[in-house]
């Protein structure tokens, strides 16, 4: 098969695994492109989903009251400070549509999650991209870049795809330096994977901060599409006014709530992720392959080969990864940490491509 002839090759991540198998005519596909939790959700979440399937004729709670109560207890906040959405993507979209006006400037350190820029441009905002030196945050440079036209700063902490992490002290100092006219959007999708992570939620009373969380990553509920934002009540209520009434689903809401009741499962996932990361890093170092230290469930690897070309060569062998297209990281790929079997298959394949 001529792999370059496949339409929308770089968008193949949008296909379900069964469709990728059909397109490539392969029985085995190792999908390491979307930073999914390969271990699955909590058994408690699966159990409540099974119990709820007999009631699918009823609409979900449009206010997500039960989940909000659980989150209020978790974070010591009020329900008016919580926005529930159809995954973190919808929550971020609501934030951008609700708070940005045409011509507003948004500072975005790059490389990072592509959807930020897409959302800003959809709102006719102006993206101001700042390079991340060696894949890390330069908070001093970000602070210096703020102007009177700056409406928002978007930080992904830990950052996707570099894995860079902002410490609690550094984050606090940065927040204290922000002028009143600037909103800080903190995407904390991978926060649970970093033991030392300090959430921006603790600072929402001080500044215009919106901390976004998801149940798609460590909680393993990507198919259920539940995310949320926490911020000042006056900001959250403004955003709540622009969301659709039934923007979530019952199965997702109850599964998210049950997941919060199973910290032991989450602890196991976190431990497994750290173990897998250490093993992969060790093998990469043995082969002299550079990588970026990551606080997420993924690693950005510099293979020395053009990222799209490496993506294609891995895809030919049944492995799907994320090619980095940023001009300064064009030889890097982002790889989700999978099971030991998946990781070993990926490494053996990568080394085979590079050294045989």
Protein backbone atom coordinates (compact mmCIF):
# COMPACT_ATOMS: atom_id res chain seq x y z
CA UNK A 1 0.00 0.00 0.00
CA UNK A 2 1.17 3.52 -0.79
CA UNK A 3 0.71 5.11 2.61
CA UNK A 4 0.99 8.63 1.15
CA UNK A 5 -2.08 8.02 -1.00
CA UNK A 6 -4.41 7.71 2.00
CA UNK A 7 -6.65 10.81 2.16
CA UNK A 8 -6.47 13.05 5.23
CA UNK A 9 -3.47 11.12 6.51
CA UNK A 10 -2.59 13.58 9.25
CA UNK A 11 -6.19 13.60 10.45
CA UNK A 12 -6.38 9.83 10.84
CA UNK A 13 -6.54 10.30 14.62
CA UNK A 14 -10.14 11.36 14.06
CA UNK A 15 -11.07 7.85 12.94
CA UNK A 16 -12.05 5.14 15.42
CA UNK A 17 -9.62 2.24 15.70
CA UNK A 18 -11.89 -0.03 13.65
CA UNK A 19 -11.86 2.46 10.76
CA UNK A 20 -8.07 2.81 10.91
CA UNK A 21 -7.79 -0.98 10.67
CA UNK A 22 -10.07 -0.96 7.63
CA UNK A 23 -8.19 1.84 5.87
CA UNK A 24 -4.77 0.28 6.49
CA UNK A 25 -6.01 -3.30 6.07
CA UNK A 26 -4.36 -4.29 9.37
CA UNK A 27 -5.64 -6.41 12.23
CA UNK A 28 -3.36 -4.85 14.87
CA UNK A 29 -3.31 -1.10 15.47
CA UNK A 30 -1.38 0.47 18.35
CA UNK A 31 -3.03 3.87 18.88
CA UNK A 32 -0.72 6.19 20.79
CA UNK A 33 -1.90 9.50 19.36
CA UNK A 34 -4.65 10.89 21.59
CA UNK A 35 -3.21 10.64 25.13
CA UNK A 36 -5.99 8.30 26.21
CA UNK A 37 -5.88 6.28 29.42
CA UNK A 38 -5.12 2.79 28.10
CA UNK A 39 -6.06 1.17 31.43
CA UNK A 40 -9.69 2.24 31.31
CA UNK A 41 -12.09 3.87 33.76
CA UNK A 42 -12.83 3.00 37.36
CA UNK A 43 -14.90 -0.17 37.89
CA UNK A 44 -17.25 2.05 39.89
CA UNK A 45 -17.86 4.17 36.80
CA UNK A 46 -18.55 1.10 34.68
CA UNK A 47 -20.99 -0.21 37.25
CA UNK A 48 -23.11 2.93 37.41
CA UNK A 49 -23.21 3.07 33.61
CA UNK A 50 -24.55 -0.49 33.49
CA UNK A 51 -27.23 0.40 36.02
CA UNK A 52 -28.28 3.53 34.13
CA UNK A 53 -28.80 2.06 30.66
CA UNK A 54 -32.40 1.20 31.50
CA UNK A 55 -33.23 4.90 31.87
CA UNK A 56 -31.89 6.30 28.62
CA UNK A 57 -35.32 7.64 27.66
CA UNK A 58 -34.88 10.48 30.16
CA UNK A 59 -32.98 13.70 29.52
CA UNK A 60 -29.87 14.40 31.61
CA UNK A 61 -29.88 16.94 34.42
CA UNK A 62 -29.13 20.22 32.59
CA UNK A 63 -27.53 21.65 35.73
CA UNK A 64 -25.41 18.56 36.53
CA UNK A 65 -26.36 19.20 40.16
CA UNK A 66 -25.09 15.94 41.64
CA UNK A 67 -21.68 16.16 39.97
CA UNK A 68 -21.38 19.81 40.97
CA UNK A 69 -22.01 18.88 44.62
CA UNK A 70 -19.20 16.35 44.41
CA UNK A 71 -16.85 18.91 42.86
CA UNK A 72 -17.81 21.50 45.47
CA UNK A 73 -16.75 19.08 48.18
CA UNK A 74 -13.55 18.19 46.35
CA UNK A 75 -12.38 21.76 45.77
CA UNK A 76 -14.16 23.62 48.59
CA UNK A 77 -16.04 25.87 46.19
CA UNK A 78 -19.65 26.86 45.43
CA UNK A 79 -21.76 25.38 42.64
CA UNK A 80 -22.02 28.82 41.03
CA UNK A 81 -18.28 28.64 40.40
CA UNK A 82 -18.51 25.51 38.22
CA UNK A 83 -19.26 25.18 34.51
CA UNK A 84 -19.90 21.63 33.24
CA UNK A 85 -19.40 20.88 29.56
CA UNK A 86 -19.27 18.23 26.88
CA UNK A 87 -15.60 17.54 27.50
CA UNK A 88 -12.91 20.15 28.17
CA UNK A 89 -13.02 21.09 24.48
CA UNK A 90 -16.56 22.44 24.78
CA UNK A 91 -15.72 24.15 28.06
CA UNK A 92 -12.77 25.95 26.45
CA UNK A 93 -14.92 26.84 23.44
CA UNK A 94 -17.57 28.32 25.75
CA UNK A 95 -14.91 30.35 27.54
CA UNK A 96 -13.53 31.77 24.31
CA UNK A 97 -16.95 32.51 22.78
CA UNK A 98 -18.24 33.98 26.01
CA UNK A 99 -15.30 36.22 26.87
CA UNK A 100 -13.53 37.21 23.65
CA UNK A 101 -14.50 39.97 21.26
CA UNK A 102 -13.23 40.73 17.79
CA UNK A 103 -9.64 41.96 17.94
CA UNK A 104 -8.91 40.75 21.47
CA UNK A 105 -5.33 39.55 21.89
CA UNK A 106 -4.64 36.11 23.33
CA UNK A 107 -1.13 35.02 24.36
CA UNK A 108 -0.42 31.34 23.65
CA UNK A 109 2.98 29.72 24.33
CA UNK A 110 3.77 27.15 21.63
CA UNK A 111 3.90 24.34 20.80
CA UNK A 112 0.69 23.51 22.59
CA UNK A 113 -2.82 22.15 22.03
CA UNK A 114 -3.96 23.19 18.54
CA UNK A 115 -7.58 23.83 19.51
CA UNK A 116 -6.70 26.98 21.47
CA UNK A 117 -5.69 28.90 18.35
CA UNK A 118 -8.57 27.45 16.35
CA UNK A 119 -11.03 28.66 18.97
CA UNK A 120 -9.50 32.13 19.25
CA UNK A 121 -9.53 32.61 15.48
CA UNK A 122 -13.14 31.43 15.31
CA UNK A 123 -13.97 34.28 17.71
CA UNK A 124 -11.99 36.70 15.51
CA UNK A 125 -9.43 37.15 18.25
CA UNK A 126 -5.73 37.67 17.60
CA UNK A 127 -3.32 34.90 18.59
CA UNK A 128 0.03 36.06 19.88
CA UNK A 129 2.28 33.02 19.86
CA UNK A 130 5.35 32.86 22.11
CA UNK A 131 7.98 30.18 21.62
CA UNK A 132 8.65 27.86 24.56
CA UNK A 133 12.46 27.66 24.98
CA UNK A 134 13.49 23.98 24.99
CA UNK A 135 9.81 23.11 25.29
CA UNK A 136 9.47 24.84 28.69
CA UNK A 137 7.44 27.81 29.90
CA UNK A 138 9.11 31.22 30.10
CA UNK A 139 6.74 32.95 32.50
CA UNK A 140 8.88 36.08 32.66
CA UNK A 141 8.69 36.51 28.89
CA UNK A 142 4.95 35.87 28.94
CA UNK A 143 4.49 38.54 31.61
CA UNK A 144 6.59 41.01 29.61
CA UNK A 145 4.46 40.35 26.52
CA UNK A 146 1.22 41.52 28.14
CA UNK A 147 -0.19 44.70 26.60
CA UNK A 148 -3.33 46.77 27.07
CA UNK A 149 -4.85 44.74 24.23
CA UNK A 150 -4.17 41.41 25.94
CA UNK A 151 -7.48 39.88 26.96
CA UNK A 152 -6.39 36.35 27.78
CA UNK A 153 -3.42 34.06 28.36
CA UNK A 154 -3.81 30.33 27.75
CA UNK A 155 -1.48 27.94 29.56
CA UNK A 156 -1.70 24.16 29.37
CA UNK A 157 -0.22 22.82 32.62
CA UNK A 158 1.21 20.22 32.14
CA UNK A 159 1.68 21.27 28.54
CA UNK A 160 0.59 19.19 25.59
CA UNK A 161 2.75 18.15 23.70
CA UNK A 162 6.01 19.05 25.46
CA UNK A 163 4.99 17.85 28.93
CA UNK A 164 6.36 21.01 30.56
CA UNK A 165 5.09 21.71 34.08
CA UNK A 166 4.71 24.95 36.06
CA UNK A 167 5.46 24.54 39.76
CA UNK A 168 3.07 25.82 42.41
CA UNK A 169 5.38 28.64 43.50
CA UNK A 170 6.08 29.77 39.93
CA UNK A 171 2.37 29.70 39.11
CA UNK A 172 1.47 31.72 42.21
CA UNK A 173 4.07 34.38 41.45
CA UNK A 174 2.92 34.60 37.85
CA UNK A 175 -0.72 34.96 38.86
CA UNK A 176 0.14 37.72 41.33
CA UNK A 177 1.84 39.64 38.50
CA UNK A 178 -1.19 39.62 36.19
CA UNK A 179 -3.02 42.90 35.58
CA UNK A 180 -6.75 43.01 36.27
CA UNK A 181 -7.78 43.19 32.61
CA UNK A 182 -6.21 39.81 31.76
CA UNK A 183 -7.97 36.46 32.06
CA UNK A 184 -5.79 33.41 32.68
CA UNK A 185 -7.15 30.19 31.19
CA UNK A 186 -5.39 27.19 32.74
CA UNK A 187 -5.96 23.91 30.94
CA UNK A 188 -5.25 21.26 33.59
CA UNK A 189 -6.23 18.21 31.52
CA UNK A 190 -3.14 16.27 32.61
CA UNK A 191 -2.83 17.66 36.14
CA UNK A 192 -3.58 14.38 37.90
CA UNK A 193 -0.52 12.75 36.34
CA UNK A 194 1.87 15.16 38.09
CA UNK A 195 2.30 14.52 41.82
CA UNK A 196 3.50 18.07 42.50
CA UNK A 197 0.77 19.85 40.53
CA UNK A 198 -0.90 22.82 42.21
CA UNK A 199 -4.23 23.76 40.65
CA UNK A 200 -5.14 27.27 39.64
CA UNK A 201 -8.45 26.64 41.40
CA UNK A 202 -6.90 27.77 44.67
CA UNK A 203 -6.32 31.24 43.19
CA UNK A 204 -9.70 31.93 41.57
CA UNK A 205 -10.74 34.37 44.30
CA UNK A 206 -7.69 36.56 43.67
CA UNK A 207 -7.61 37.00 39.91
CA UNK A 208 -9.60 36.37 36.73
CA UNK A 209 -8.63 32.71 36.48
CA UNK A 210 -10.47 29.85 34.82
CA UNK A 211 -9.09 26.38 35.56
CA UNK A 212 -10.32 23.68 33.19
CA UNK A 213 -10.37 19.98 34.05
CA UNK A 214 -11.47 16.85 32.20
CA UNK A 215 -12.58 13.29 32.89
CA UNK A 216 -11.16 12.16 29.54
CA UNK A 217 -7.56 11.58 30.60
CA UNK A 218 -6.62 9.89 33.89
CA UNK A 219 -10.28 9.06 34.62
CA UNK A 220 -10.52 7.15 31.34
CA UNK A 221 -13.90 8.55 30.28
CA UNK A 222 -12.97 10.12 26.93
CA UNK A 223 -16.05 8.64 25.23
CA UNK A 224 -18.34 10.13 27.88
CA UNK A 225 -17.32 13.75 27.18
CA UNK A 226 -17.37 15.46 30.56
CA UNK A 227 -15.20 18.43 31.47
CA UNK A 228 -15.55 21.45 33.73
CA UNK A 229 -14.20 24.88 34.51
CA UNK A 230 -13.86 26.61 37.87
CA UNK A 231 -13.70 30.37 38.26
CA UNK A 232 -15.34 33.40 39.81
CA UNK A 233 -19.11 32.99 39.97
CA UNK A 234 -19.79 36.11 37.90
CA UNK A 235 -17.62 34.79 35.06
CA UNK A 236 -19.02 31.27 35.25
CA UNK A 237 -22.62 32.47 35.18
CA UNK A 238 -21.91 34.54 32.08
CA UNK A 239 -20.52 31.43 30.38
CA UNK A 240 -23.41 29.30 31.57
CA UNK A 241 -25.77 31.63 29.74
CA UNK A 242 -24.24 30.69 26.35
CA UNK A 243 -24.10 26.91 26.75
CA UNK A 244 -26.76 24.60 25.36
CA UNK A 245 -29.30 23.38 27.90
CA UNK A 246 -28.62 19.65 27.50
CA UNK A 247 -24.92 19.84 26.65
CA UNK A 248 -23.89 16.71 28.58
CA UNK A 249 -25.24 13.19 28.96
CA UNK A 250 -26.43 11.13 31.90
CA UNK A 251 -23.94 8.29 31.49
CA UNK A 252 -21.04 10.72 31.46
CA UNK A 253 -22.28 12.67 34.47
CA UNK A 254 -22.80 9.64 36.69
CA UNK A 255 -19.57 7.99 35.54
CA UNK A 256 -17.61 11.15 36.33
CA UNK A 257 -19.14 11.31 39.78
CA UNK A 258 -18.38 7.65 40.48
CA UNK A 259 -14.79 8.14 39.30
CA UNK A 260 -14.25 10.76 41.97
CA UNK A 261 -15.23 8.14 44.54
CA UNK A 262 -12.40 5.83 43.48
CA UNK A 263 -9.07 7.50 44.35
CA UNK A 264 -7.42 4.08 44.64
CA UNK A 265 -8.01 3.40 40.95
CA UNK A 266 -6.64 6.82 40.01
CA UNK A 267 -3.59 6.18 42.18
CA UNK A 268 -2.94 2.93 40.32
CA UNK A 269 -3.19 4.69 36.97
CA UNK A 270 -0.79 7.39 38.10
CA UNK A 271 1.71 4.80 39.36
CA UNK A 272 1.46 2.75 36.15
CA UNK A 273 2.03 5.89 34.09
CA UNK A 274 5.14 6.83 36.06
CA UNK A 275 6.49 3.30 35.73
CA UNK A 276 5.86 3.20 31.97
CA UNK A 277 7.46 6.60 31.54
CA UNK A 278 10.60 5.56 33.41
CA UNK A 279 10.96 2.39 31.35
CA UNK A 280 10.49 4.21 28.04
CA UNK A 281 12.92 6.97 29.00
CA UNK A 282 15.52 4.38 29.96
CA UNK A 283 15.26 2.69 26.57
CA UNK A 284 15.41 5.99 24.70
CA UNK A 285 18.52 7.03 26.61
CA UNK A 286 20.20 3.70 25.85
CA UNK A 287 19.72 4.40 22.16
CA UNK A 288 20.83 8.02 22.44
CA UNK A 289 17.43 9.38 21.42
CA UNK A 290 16.50 12.73 22.93
CA UNK A 291 13.14 13.44 24.53
CA UNK A 292 11.40 16.08 26.63
CA UNK A 293 10.72 15.51 30.32
CA UNK A 294 6.98 15.08 30.65
CA UNK A 295 4.52 15.50 33.50
CA UNK A 296 1.71 13.98 31.43
CA UNK A 297 0.83 10.53 30.12
CA UNK A 298 2.87 11.09 26.97
CA UNK A 299 6.41 11.85 25.84
CA UNK A 300 7.60 14.12 23.05
CA UNK A 301 10.49 12.37 21.32
CA UNK A 302 13.01 13.90 18.92
CA UNK A 303 13.70 11.12 16.43
CA UNK A 304 15.88 13.25 14.17
CA UNK A 305 13.54 12.37 11.28
CA UNK A 306 10.88 14.69 9.86
CA UNK A 307 7.82 14.18 12.04
CA UNK A 308 5.39 13.55 9.18
CA UNK A 309 7.76 11.06 7.59
CA UNK A 310 8.21 9.23 10.91
CA UNK A 311 4.45 9.30 11.41
CA UNK A 312 3.96 7.64 8.03
CA UNK A 313 6.61 5.01 8.61
CA UNK A 314 5.16 4.08 11.99
CA UNK A 315 1.66 4.05 10.52
CA UNK A 316 2.77 1.56 7.88
CA UNK A 317 3.68 -0.72 10.77
CA UNK A 318 0.36 -0.24 12.55
CA UNK A 319 1.33 2.44 15.09
CA UNK A 320 -0.45 5.81 15.28
CA UNK A 321 1.41 8.70 16.95
CA UNK A 322 1.10 12.49 16.85
CA UNK A 323 3.53 14.31 14.50
CA UNK A 324 4.61 17.73 15.76
CA UNK A 325 4.27 20.32 12.99
CA UNK A 326 5.69 23.35 14.84
CA UNK A 327 8.61 24.73 12.81
CA UNK A 328 11.10 24.35 15.68
CA UNK A 329 10.07 20.80 16.54
CA UNK A 330 9.61 19.25 13.11
CA UNK A 331 11.62 16.15 14.02
CA UNK A 332 9.50 15.40 17.09
CA UNK A 333 6.57 13.06 17.66
CA UNK A 334 4.30 12.84 20.68
CA UNK A 335 3.69 9.33 21.95
CA UNK A 336 1.03 8.33 24.47
CA UNK A 337 2.29 6.03 27.21
CA UNK A 338 0.51 2.71 26.71
CA UNK A 339 0.69 -0.69 28.35
CA UNK A 340 4.09 -2.38 28.62
CA UNK A 341 3.24 -4.47 25.56
CA UNK A 342 2.24 -1.41 23.52
CA UNK A 343 5.29 0.58 24.62
CA UNK A 344 7.69 -2.25 23.82
CA UNK A 345 6.15 -2.75 20.38
CA UNK A 346 6.47 0.97 19.67
CA UNK A 347 10.09 1.13 20.84
CA UNK A 348 11.12 -1.96 18.90
CA UNK A 349 9.48 -0.53 15.79
CA UNK A 350 11.02 2.92 16.27
CA UNK A 351 14.50 1.50 16.79
CA UNK A 352 14.04 -0.74 13.76
CA UNK A 353 13.19 2.28 11.61
CA UNK A 354 16.12 4.34 12.89
CA UNK A 355 18.89 1.76 13.03
CA UNK A 356 18.16 -0.99 10.49
